[in-house]
Amino acid sequence: MLETSYLTRVYLSITMDDLMRKQRAVIVSKKLEILLPDAKCSLIYSNPLQLLIATILSAQCTDRIVNKVTEKVFKKYKNIGDYLNAEQKEFEADIKSTGLYRAKARNILASARIIKEKYNDAVPKTMNELLTLSGVARKTANIVMGNAYGIIDGIAVDTHVRRLSQKFGLTTNNNPVKIEQDLMKLIPKNDWLNFSHRMIEYGRVYSPANKKNDNSDPISKALGRLN
């Protein structure tokens, strides 16, 4: 009897937590839509290959710096062939200001070889295929699929999305894949792409990382009224 009662309390606790998260997710989504209805990918690109490269370069780097770098890089390297013929050291110098440039150069040039050999010069369109590319995890794959191809398979979880999802009580996880799984349960699929764009822009405009413990932003205020 005691065991049954305990299990019932645990189940009810989990159910209430889920309901609260869903309630919070609705508030977050509505506020994001009101505040940032036109948020979109801020990386500048004109084709899937450029978006793939820009997204790889964006790791631990601002989109503003990436766009400044790719403005020159995309003029110098116009197609897969140009990346295949690139010298590692020269390419490293071209992208140096994005940080982690040796690893990024290695991954981009290796991905170009894979695209040439396995995908007939075209950046693949599926999650499983994109994950075969060097340096590509689910965040990059979701960004490329959603923005370059209009294919929605998940939610891109960058540092802004991870930080704000935790701040707003939508997840207790730290792992980006687990955070994505939590968000996919809370956010309708037709909003996944916009949700990611808006969360990223919200992190830049209303709740930057240096205000981690500041709850004066609009969504934190709205959520505070639930307590």
Foldseek 3Di string as FASTA:
>chain_A
DVVVVVVVVVVVVVVVLLVLLLVLLVLLVVVLCVVPVPFADPADDDALLLLLLLVLLQAVADSVLSNVLVVVVCVQQVFLVSLLPDDLVVQLVSSVVSPPSNQSSVQSSQQSVCCVPPPVRHQDQDQVSNVVGGSDDPLSNQNSNCPRPVDHDWARDDPLNQLVCVVSSQDPDNDRVVSGVSVPVNDDRVCRNVSNSSSVVCCVPFNDPVNSVDQPGPSSVVSVVVD
